Amino acid sequence: MKKKIFLGWLFFILSFVVNATTFDTYNLNIIIYDSTPEAPVGRMRYEIAENYIVKYATLTCVQNENVSSCTANEPDSKYTGHHNLFQLIPERYLRSDEDYNMQEYDGPGYKIYITNYRINNLFSSNTPDRKDKDVAEFLDKIDQLLAGKSEYQFEPIVLDK
């Protein structure tokens, strides 16, 4: 009888271990697009990989008589080193069965594209899931990055000539 109870508890505990999911962040990239009323399609603002973060320059564009010209407000810059952004990604953002509903998340804000060899997911900062603790923590960190209030020190990218 004691053996059956022990095996029952062991089976119960092991069922949680077997169902635990770990996600491989190998070759994972996060791309953040800004979306504003002036540029609804969005502009790539950040590319986040395992050992670096690239901050792309913001552009100011002017259109004069069917000719538009854009100038960069600052150079592209890069942070090279450790960051904890991958550990903050909510599990639901890493599942391949998540779909992006364009009507539900349309409007201003930024879009987050998460990709690697097995997932390609697009999410919005306007998600109704923002009230969930794990999503809020991740998006707050992205908000800090976009506002320039993160702990990462970016250095201008210098091209070799």
N, C-alpha and C. Protein backbone atom coordinates (compact mmCIF):
# COMPACT_ATOMS: atom_id res chain seq x y z
N MET A 1 0.81 -1.20 0.00
CA MET A 1 0.00 0.00 0.00
C MET A 1 0.86 1.27 0.00
N LYS A 2 1.90 1.28 0.84
CA LYS A 2 2.77 2.45 0.90
C LYS A 2 3.48 2.66 -0.44
N LYS A 3 3.82 1.56 -1.10
CA LYS A 3 4.50 1.65 -2.39
C LYS A 3 3.58 2.29 -3.43
N LYS A 4 2.29 1.95 -3.42
CA LYS A 4 1.33 2.53 -4.37
C LYS A 4 1.15 4.02 -4.12
N ILE A 5 1.09 4.41 -2.85
CA ILE A 5 0.96 5.83 -2.52
C ILE A 5 2.20 6.59 -2.96
N PHE A 6 3.37 6.02 -2.68
CA PHE A 6 4.63 6.64 -3.10
C PHE A 6 4.69 6.78 -4.61
N LEU A 7 4.35 5.73 -5.36
CA LEU A 7 4.39 5.79 -6.82
C LEU A 7 3.36 6.78 -7.36
N GLY A 8 2.20 6.88 -6.68
CA GLY A 8 1.19 7.85 -7.09
C GLY A 8 1.70 9.28 -6.94
N TRP A 9 2.34 9.60 -5.81
CA TRP A 9 2.92 10.93 -5.60
C TRP A 9 4.06 11.20 -6.57
N LEU A 10 4.88 10.20 -6.80
CA LEU A 10 6.00 10.35 -7.73
C LEU A 10 5.49 10.65 -9.14
N PHE A 11 4.45 9.91 -9.57
CA PHE A 11 3.86 10.15 -10.88
C PHE A 11 3.29 11.56 -10.95
N PHE A 12 2.61 12.00 -9.89
CA PHE A 12 2.02 13.33 -9.84
C PHE A 12 3.10 14.42 -9.98
N ILE A 13 4.18 14.29 -9.25
CA ILE A 13 5.26 15.29 -9.29
C ILE A 13 5.97 15.26 -10.64
N LEU A 14 6.25 14.07 -11.15
CA LEU A 14 6.93 13.97 -12.44
C LEU A 14 6.08 14.49 -13.60
N SER A 15 4.77 14.44 -13.47
CA SER A 15 3.92 14.96 -14.55
C SER A 15 4.13 16.45 -14.73
N PHE A 16 4.43 17.18 -13.64
CA PHE A 16 4.72 18.61 -13.77
C PHE A 16 6.08 18.84 -14.39
N VAL A 17 7.04 18.01 -14.07
CA VAL A 17 8.39 18.16 -14.63
C VAL A 17 8.37 17.90 -16.12
N VAL A 18 7.64 16.89 -16.54
CA VAL A 18 7.58 16.54 -17.96
C VAL A 18 6.87 17.63 -18.75
N ASN A 19 5.85 18.26 -18.16
CA ASN A 19 5.11 19.29 -18.87
C ASN A 19 5.80 20.65 -18.85
N ALA A 20 6.85 20.81 -18.10
CA ALA A 20 7.57 22.09 -18.06
C ALA A 20 8.18 22.34 -19.43
N THR A 21 8.06 23.56 -19.89
CA THR A 21 8.55 23.91 -21.21
C THR A 21 9.74 24.85 -21.08
N THR A 22 10.79 24.54 -21.78
CA THR A 22 11.91 25.46 -21.86
C THR A 22 12.02 25.92 -23.30
N PHE A 23 12.37 27.16 -23.48
CA PHE A 23 12.46 27.71 -24.82
C PHE A 23 13.91 28.01 -25.16
N ASP A 24 14.26 27.64 -26.34
CA ASP A 24 15.61 27.83 -26.82
C ASP A 24 15.73 29.25 -27.37
N THR A 25 16.62 30.04 -26.81
CA THR A 25 16.81 31.41 -27.29
C THR A 25 17.96 31.49 -28.30
N TYR A 26 18.45 30.34 -28.76
CA TYR A 26 19.51 30.32 -29.77
C TYR A 26 19.01 31.00 -31.04
N ASN A 27 19.77 31.93 -31.53
CA ASN A 27 19.43 32.69 -32.74
C ASN A 27 18.14 33.50 -32.61
N LEU A 28 17.74 33.80 -31.39
CA LEU A 28 16.53 34.59 -31.17
C LEU A 28 16.85 36.06 -31.44
N ASN A 29 15.96 36.72 -32.13
CA ASN A 29 16.06 38.15 -32.39
C ASN A 29 14.74 38.79 -32.03
N ILE A 30 14.83 39.97 -31.46
CA ILE A 30 13.65 40.80 -31.21
C ILE A 30 13.86 42.06 -32.03
N ILE A 31 12.87 42.40 -32.82
CA ILE A 31 12.94 43.64 -33.60
C ILE A 31 11.76 44.50 -33.15
N ILE A 32 12.05 45.74 -32.82
CA ILE A 32 11.01 46.66 -32.35
C ILE A 32 10.80 47.72 -33.42
N TYR A 33 9.54 47.84 -33.84
CA TYR A 33 9.14 48.83 -34.84
C TYR A 33 8.33 49.91 -34.16
N ASP A 34 8.67 51.17 -34.45
CA ASP A 34 7.85 52.29 -33.99
C ASP A 34 6.69 52.46 -34.94
N SER A 35 5.55 52.78 -34.43
CA SER A 35 4.39 53.04 -35.26
C SER A 35 3.74 54.30 -34.74
N THR A 36 3.71 55.32 -35.56
CA THR A 36 3.12 56.60 -35.17
C THR A 36 2.09 56.99 -36.23
N PRO A 37 1.22 57.95 -35.93
CA PRO A 37 0.27 58.40 -36.96
C PRO A 37 0.99 58.91 -38.22
N GLU A 38 2.19 59.51 -38.04
CA GLU A 38 2.93 60.01 -39.19
C GLU A 38 3.56 58.88 -39.99
N ALA A 39 3.92 57.81 -39.33
CA ALA A 39 4.53 56.66 -39.99
C ALA A 39 3.83 55.38 -39.52
N PRO A 40 2.61 55.15 -40.02
CA PRO A 40 1.85 54.01 -39.51
C PRO A 40 2.47 52.66 -39.84
N VAL A 41 3.26 52.59 -40.91
CA VAL A 41 3.90 51.33 -41.27
C VAL A 41 4.97 50.99 -40.25
N GLY A 42 5.60 51.99 -39.72
CA GLY A 42 6.60 51.76 -38.68
C GLY A 42 8.02 51.81 -39.21
N ARG A 43 8.93 52.00 -38.31
CA ARG A 43 10.36 52.07 -38.62
C ARG A 43 11.07 51.20 -37.61
N MET A 44 12.01 50.42 -38.10
CA MET A 44 12.76 49.57 -37.19
C MET A 44 13.57 50.45 -36.25
N ARG A 45 13.36 50.28 -34.94
CA ARG A 45 14.04 51.11 -33.94
C ARG A 45 15.14 50.35 -33.23
N TYR A 46 14.91 49.09 -32.89
CA TYR A 46 15.89 48.29 -32.16
C TYR A 46 15.93 46.88 -32.73
N GLU A 47 17.11 46.32 -32.72
CA GLU A 47 17.30 44.90 -32.99
C GLU A 47 18.03 44.34 -31.78
N ILE A 48 17.45 43.33 -31.17
CA ILE A 48 18.01 42.78 -29.94
C ILE A 48 18.38 41.32 -30.20
N ALA A 49 19.64 41.01 -30.02
CA ALA A 49 20.13 39.64 -30.15
C ALA A 49 20.73 39.22 -28.82
N GLU A 50 21.26 38.02 -28.76
CA GLU A 50 21.74 37.48 -27.49
C GLU A 50 22.86 38.31 -26.87
N ASN A 51 23.77 38.84 -27.68
CA ASN A 51 24.92 39.55 -27.12
C ASN A 51 25.05 41.00 -27.59
N TYR A 52 23.99 41.55 -28.17
CA TYR A 52 24.04 42.96 -28.55
C TYR A 52 22.64 43.53 -28.72
N ILE A 53 22.57 44.86 -28.68
CA ILE A 53 21.34 45.60 -28.98
C ILE A 53 21.75 46.72 -29.93
N VAL A 54 21.10 46.81 -31.08
CA VAL A 54 21.36 47.90 -32.02
C VAL A 54 20.19 48.87 -31.96
N LYS A 55 20.54 50.13 -31.79
CA LYS A 55 19.54 51.20 -31.79
C LYS A 55 19.69 51.94 -33.11
N TYR A 56 18.63 51.92 -33.92
CA TYR A 56 18.68 52.58 -35.23
C TYR A 56 18.27 54.04 -35.09
N ALA A 57 18.86 54.88 -35.90
CA ALA A 57 18.61 56.32 -35.83
C ALA A 57 17.16 56.65 -36.14
N THR A 58 16.66 57.68 -35.49
CA THR A 58 15.34 58.19 -35.86
C THR A 58 15.51 59.11 -37.05
N LEU A 59 14.51 59.17 -37.87
CA LEU A 59 14.58 59.98 -39.09
C LEU A 59 13.58 61.12 -39.02
N THR A 60 13.97 62.24 -39.60
CA THR A 60 13.05 63.34 -39.82
C THR A 60 12.88 63.46 -41.32
N CYS A 61 11.66 63.31 -41.78
CA CYS A 61 11.40 63.32 -43.22
C CYS A 61 10.56 64.53 -43.59
N VAL A 62 10.90 65.13 -44.71
CA VAL A 62 10.20 66.30 -45.23
C VAL A 62 9.84 66.01 -46.68
N GLN A 63 8.60 66.36 -47.06
CA GLN A 63 8.19 66.17 -48.44
C GLN A 63 7.93 67.53 -49.06
N ASN A 64 8.64 67.80 -50.16
CA ASN A 64 8.47 69.04 -50.92
C ASN A 64 8.16 68.69 -52.36
N GLU A 65 6.99 69.07 -52.83
CA GLU A 65 6.59 68.87 -54.22
C GLU A 65 6.94 67.48 -54.73
N ASN A 66 6.34 66.48 -54.15
CA ASN A 66 6.49 65.08 -54.55
C ASN A 66 7.88 64.50 -54.34
N VAL A 67 8.75 65.22 -53.66
CA VAL A 67 10.09 64.70 -53.36
C VAL A 67 10.23 64.69 -51.84
N SER A 68 10.55 63.55 -51.31
CA SER A 68 10.74 63.50 -49.86
C SER A 68 12.20 63.20 -49.55
N SER A 69 12.66 63.82 -48.49
CA SER A 69 14.03 63.58 -48.06
C SER A 69 14.03 63.35 -46.56
N CYS A 70 14.90 62.47 -46.13
CA CYS A 70 14.98 62.14 -44.72
C CYS A 70 16.41 62.33 -44.23
N THR A 71 16.53 62.80 -42.99
CA THR A 71 17.84 62.92 -42.37
C THR A 71 17.79 62.22 -41.02
N ALA A 72 18.91 61.60 -40.67
CA ALA A 72 19.01 60.91 -39.39
C ALA A 72 19.31 61.92 -38.29
N ASN A 73 18.61 61.82 -37.18
CA ASN A 73 18.80 62.73 -36.06
C ASN A 73 20.02 62.38 -35.23
N GLU A 74 20.44 61.13 -35.29
CA GLU A 74 21.63 60.68 -34.57
C GLU A 74 22.13 59.43 -35.29
N PRO A 75 23.35 59.03 -35.06
CA PRO A 75 23.85 57.83 -35.75
C PRO A 75 23.26 56.56 -35.13
N ASP A 76 23.29 55.50 -35.91
CA ASP A 76 22.95 54.19 -35.34
C ASP A 76 23.95 53.90 -34.23
N SER A 77 23.51 53.21 -33.19
CA SER A 77 24.41 52.91 -32.08
C SER A 77 24.18 51.47 -31.61
N LYS A 78 25.15 50.99 -30.84
CA LYS A 78 25.11 49.59 -30.45
C LYS A 78 25.56 49.42 -29.02
N TYR A 79 24.89 48.52 -28.32
CA TYR A 79 25.31 48.08 -27.00
C TYR A 79 25.78 46.65 -27.16
N THR A 80 26.99 46.37 -26.72
CA THR A 80 27.53 45.03 -26.79
C THR A 80 27.75 44.55 -25.36
N GLY A 81 27.11 43.48 -25.01
CA GLY A 81 27.26 42.94 -23.67
C GLY A 81 26.03 42.18 -23.24
N HIS A 82 25.97 41.87 -21.96
CA HIS A 82 24.87 41.08 -21.42
C HIS A 82 23.64 41.95 -21.20
N HIS A 83 22.50 41.38 -21.48
CA HIS A 83 21.22 42.01 -21.13
C HIS A 83 20.26 40.91 -20.70
N ASN A 84 19.21 41.30 -20.00
CA ASN A 84 18.26 40.31 -19.49
C ASN A 84 16.93 40.32 -20.22
N LEU A 85 16.87 40.91 -21.39
CA LEU A 85 15.59 41.03 -22.08
C LEU A 85 15.01 39.69 -22.50
N PHE A 86 15.86 38.74 -22.88
CA PHE A 86 15.34 37.43 -23.29
C PHE A 86 14.69 36.69 -22.12
N GLN A 87 15.22 36.88 -20.92
CA GLN A 87 14.64 36.22 -19.76
C GLN A 87 13.27 36.82 -19.40
N LEU A 88 13.00 38.03 -19.85
CA LEU A 88 11.74 38.70 -19.54
C LEU A 88 10.63 38.43 -20.55
N ILE A 89 10.97 37.83 -21.69
CA ILE A 89 9.96 37.58 -22.72
C ILE A 89 8.89 36.65 -22.15
N PRO A 90 7.63 37.08 -22.19
CA PRO A 90 6.56 36.19 -21.69
C PRO A 90 6.49 34.91 -22.53
N GLU A 91 6.20 33.82 -21.86
CA GLU A 91 6.16 32.52 -22.54
C GLU A 91 5.21 32.53 -23.73
N ARG A 92 4.09 33.22 -23.60
CA ARG A 92 3.10 33.23 -24.69
C ARG A 92 3.68 33.89 -25.96
N TYR A 93 4.69 34.77 -25.80
CA TYR A 93 5.30 35.40 -26.97
C TYR A 93 6.24 34.44 -27.70
N LEU A 94 6.59 33.35 -27.06
CA LEU A 94 7.52 32.39 -27.65
C LEU A 94 6.83 31.16 -28.23
N ARG A 95 5.53 31.07 -28.10
CA ARG A 95 4.81 29.93 -28.65
C ARG A 95 4.55 30.16 -30.13
N SER A 96 4.69 29.11 -30.90
CA SER A 96 4.49 29.24 -32.34
C SER A 96 3.01 29.31 -32.72
N ASP A 97 2.12 29.06 -31.77
CA ASP A 97 0.69 29.09 -32.08
C ASP A 97 0.04 30.45 -31.81
N GLU A 98 0.83 31.42 -31.38
CA GLU A 98 0.28 32.76 -31.13
C GLU A 98 0.13 33.50 -32.46
N ASP A 99 -1.00 34.15 -32.64
CA ASP A 99 -1.24 34.92 -33.86
C ASP A 99 -1.47 36.37 -33.51
N TYR A 100 -1.10 37.23 -34.41
CA TYR A 100 -1.25 38.67 -34.25
C TYR A 100 -2.53 39.10 -34.94
N ASN A 101 -3.41 39.75 -34.24
CA ASN A 101 -4.65 40.22 -34.80
C ASN A 101 -4.48 41.71 -35.12
N MET A 102 -4.36 42.03 -36.39
CA MET A 102 -4.06 43.42 -36.80
C MET A 102 -5.16 44.39 -36.35
N GLN A 103 -6.42 43.99 -36.39
CA GLN A 103 -7.49 44.89 -35.99
C GLN A 103 -7.47 45.14 -34.48
N GLU A 104 -7.16 44.12 -33.70
CA GLU A 104 -7.19 44.25 -32.26
C GLU A 104 -6.08 45.15 -31.74
N TYR A 105 -4.93 45.14 -32.39
CA TYR A 105 -3.78 45.87 -31.89
C TYR A 105 -3.39 47.05 -32.77
N ASP A 106 -4.26 47.46 -33.64
CA ASP A 106 -3.93 48.53 -34.57
C ASP A 106 -3.83 49.86 -33.82
N GLY A 107 -3.09 50.79 -34.40
CA GLY A 107 -2.99 52.11 -33.81
C GLY A 107 -1.57 52.45 -33.44
N PRO A 108 -1.39 53.57 -32.73
CA PRO A 108 -0.05 54.00 -32.37
C PRO A 108 0.58 53.04 -31.37
N GLY A 109 1.85 53.20 -31.21
CA GLY A 109 2.58 52.32 -30.31
C GLY A 109 3.67 51.63 -31.08
N TYR A 110 4.24 50.63 -30.48
CA TYR A 110 5.30 49.91 -31.17
C TYR A 110 4.91 48.45 -31.32
N LYS A 111 5.51 47.83 -32.31
CA LYS A 111 5.29 46.42 -32.59
C LYS A 111 6.57 45.66 -32.25
N ILE A 112 6.41 44.46 -31.74
CA ILE A 112 7.55 43.62 -31.36
C ILE A 112 7.50 42.37 -32.21
N TYR A 113 8.56 42.14 -32.96
CA TYR A 113 8.67 40.95 -33.80
C TYR A 113 9.72 40.04 -33.17
N ILE A 114 9.32 38.84 -32.80
CA ILE A 114 10.22 37.87 -32.18
C ILE A 114 10.41 36.72 -33.15
N THR A 115 11.66 36.42 -33.47
CA THR A 115 11.92 35.39 -34.47
C THR A 115 13.15 34.57 -34.12
N ASN A 116 13.12 33.32 -34.48
CA ASN A 116 14.29 32.45 -34.53
C ASN A 116 13.97 31.34 -35.51
N TYR A 117 14.65 30.23 -35.44
CA TYR A 117 14.46 29.19 -36.45
C TYR A 117 13.10 28.50 -36.38
N ARG A 118 12.33 28.70 -35.29
CA ARG A 118 11.05 27.99 -35.22
C ARG A 118 9.85 28.89 -34.93
N ILE A 119 10.06 30.13 -34.55
CA ILE A 119 8.93 31.02 -34.28
C ILE A 119 9.10 32.32 -35.04
N ASN A 120 7.98 32.90 -35.43
CA ASN A 120 7.92 34.22 -36.04
C ASN A 120 6.64 34.85 -35.53
N ASN A 121 6.73 35.63 -34.49
CA ASN A 121 5.54 36.21 -33.86
C ASN A 121 5.64 37.72 -33.82
N LEU A 122 4.50 38.36 -34.02
CA LEU A 122 4.41 39.81 -33.99
C LEU A 122 3.39 40.20 -32.93
N PHE A 123 3.78 41.15 -32.07
CA PHE A 123 2.91 41.60 -30.99
C PHE A 123 2.94 43.13 -30.94
N SER A 124 1.99 43.69 -30.24
CA SER A 124 1.87 45.14 -30.15
C SER A 124 1.95 45.60 -28.70
N SER A 125 2.43 46.82 -28.52
CA SER A 125 2.43 47.42 -27.18
C SER A 125 1.01 47.71 -26.71
N ASN A 126 0.06 47.69 -27.63
CA ASN A 126 -1.34 47.95 -27.28
C ASN A 126 -2.10 46.69 -26.86
N THR A 127 -1.38 45.64 -26.57
CA THR A 127 -2.03 44.37 -26.24
C THR A 127 -2.89 44.46 -24.99
N PRO A 128 -4.06 43.84 -25.02
CA PRO A 128 -4.88 43.79 -23.80
C PRO A 128 -4.21 42.95 -22.71
N ASP A 129 -3.22 42.15 -23.06
CA ASP A 129 -2.50 41.32 -22.08
C ASP A 129 -1.54 42.14 -21.23
N ARG A 130 -1.42 43.42 -21.47
CA ARG A 130 -0.47 44.25 -20.74
C ARG A 130 -0.77 44.28 -19.23
N LYS A 131 -1.98 43.95 -18.86
CA LYS A 131 -2.33 43.92 -17.44
C LYS A 131 -1.74 42.70 -16.73
N ASP A 132 -1.31 41.69 -17.50
CA ASP A 132 -0.66 40.52 -16.90
C ASP A 132 0.75 40.88 -16.46
N LYS A 133 1.17 40.37 -15.32
CA LYS A 133 2.45 40.76 -14.72
C LYS A 133 3.63 40.49 -15.63
N ASP A 134 3.70 39.30 -16.25
CA ASP A 134 4.86 38.97 -17.07
C ASP A 134 4.92 39.82 -18.33
N VAL A 135 3.78 40.10 -18.94
CA VAL A 135 3.75 40.96 -20.14
C VAL A 135 4.09 42.39 -19.75
N ALA A 136 3.53 42.88 -18.65
CA ALA A 136 3.80 44.26 -18.20
C ALA A 136 5.27 44.46 -17.90
N GLU A 137 5.91 43.50 -17.26
CA GLU A 137 7.33 43.62 -16.93
C GLU A 137 8.18 43.70 -18.19
N PHE A 138 7.89 42.86 -19.17
CA PHE A 138 8.63 42.87 -20.44
C PHE A 138 8.40 44.18 -21.19
N LEU A 139 7.15 44.60 -21.34
CA LEU A 139 6.85 45.82 -22.08
C LEU A 139 7.37 47.07 -21.36
N ASP A 140 7.38 47.07 -20.03
CA ASP A 140 7.96 48.20 -19.29
C ASP A 140 9.45 48.33 -19.60
N LYS A 141 10.14 47.20 -19.71
CA LYS A 141 11.57 47.22 -20.04
C LYS A 141 11.78 47.76 -21.46
N ILE A 142 10.91 47.38 -22.38
CA ILE A 142 10.98 47.89 -23.76
C ILE A 142 10.66 49.39 -23.77
N ASP A 143 9.67 49.81 -22.96
CA ASP A 143 9.33 51.23 -22.85
C ASP A 143 10.55 52.04 -22.39
N GLN A 144 11.27 51.52 -21.39
CA GLN A 144 12.47 52.20 -20.90
C GLN A 144 13.53 52.30 -21.99
N LEU A 145 13.68 51.24 -22.75
CA LEU A 145 14.65 51.23 -23.84
C LEU A 145 14.30 52.30 -24.88
N LEU A 146 13.04 52.35 -25.28
CA LEU A 146 12.59 53.34 -26.27
C LEU A 146 12.68 54.77 -25.76
N ALA A 147 12.50 54.97 -24.46
CA ALA A 147 12.56 56.31 -23.88
C ALA A 147 14.00 56.74 -23.58
N GLY A 148 14.97 55.84 -23.80
CA GLY A 148 16.36 56.17 -23.52
C GLY A 148 16.68 56.14 -22.03
N LYS A 149 15.87 55.44 -21.25
CA LYS A 149 16.06 55.40 -19.80
C LYS A 149 16.50 54.02 -19.32
N SER A 150 17.16 53.27 -20.18
CA SER A 150 17.62 51.94 -19.79
C SER A 150 19.04 52.03 -19.25
N GLU A 151 19.50 50.94 -18.66
CA GLU A 151 20.85 50.91 -18.10
C GLU A 151 21.93 50.63 -19.15
N TYR A 152 21.53 50.41 -20.39
CA TYR A 152 22.49 50.05 -21.43
C TYR A 152 23.14 51.30 -22.03
N GLN A 153 24.45 51.25 -22.16
CA GLN A 153 25.21 52.37 -22.73
C GLN A 153 25.50 52.08 -24.20
N PHE A 154 24.93 52.88 -25.07
CA PHE A 154 25.09 52.67 -26.50
C PHE A 154 26.25 53.50 -27.03
N GLU A 155 27.02 52.90 -27.92
CA GLU A 155 28.14 53.57 -28.58
C GLU A 155 27.81 53.71 -30.06
N PRO A 156 28.13 54.85 -30.69
CA PRO A 156 27.88 55.00 -32.12
C PRO A 156 28.56 53.91 -32.93
N ILE A 157 27.89 53.44 -33.96
CA ILE A 157 28.47 52.44 -34.85
C ILE A 157 29.35 53.18 -35.86
N VAL A 158 30.62 52.79 -35.90
CA VAL A 158 31.56 53.40 -36.82
C VAL A 158 31.87 52.39 -37.92
N LEU A 159 31.64 52.79 -39.15
CA LEU A 159 31.92 51.90 -40.26
C LEU A 159 33.39 52.03 -40.66
N ASP A 160 34.03 50.89 -40.84
CA ASP A 160 35.42 50.91 -41.31
C ASP A 160 35.46 51.28 -42.78
N LYS A 161 36.43 52.11 -43.12
CA LYS A 161 36.54 52.53 -44.53
C LYS A 161 37.67 51.82 -45.19
